[in-house]
């Protein structure tokens, strides 16, 4: 899987937010919260970027990302996933602080509901995909084997459900 697409499939959504948590946190630490609030209020580009960031963060799921790590990543590298999940949490907290909300997408209950409804179908697909990836890595399988075809179906299903393919 291509790099960006893989981060989307595992629900970490890393390329969409990595760096924003640090940049926004640094601005807040320097006392620039009012500047950020003004930018969000007066600059449509910045407001839209923060709104898109919030939507992607709402689609991210640290528990699903942890599932992939536990199933597919060696013990020696597990700390990297834990660190990235911590950064994801920081990104969520910074965006919540910037938007003044207590929950991501609180201003858009319809979008939040759509994501929640899709998650009911996506979560089992993630469980299946992690298992299929594990099995695929542990044996030699041709591209047209039932295992590989099932894996491709899981990829397509998750991409369709998230509506962000990377």
Foldseek 3Di string as FASTA:
>chain_A
DDDQLVCVLLQLNCVLCPPVLVVLVVCVVVVNLVVLLCCLVPPVVSVVSLLVSLLSLLSGDLVSNLLLCVLPPDPVCSVVSVVSSVSSVSRNVSSCVSVVHPHRCPVPVPSSVLSVVLCVVLVVLSVVLSVLVSVPVVDPDDCPDPSNVSNVVSSVSSCVSSVDRD
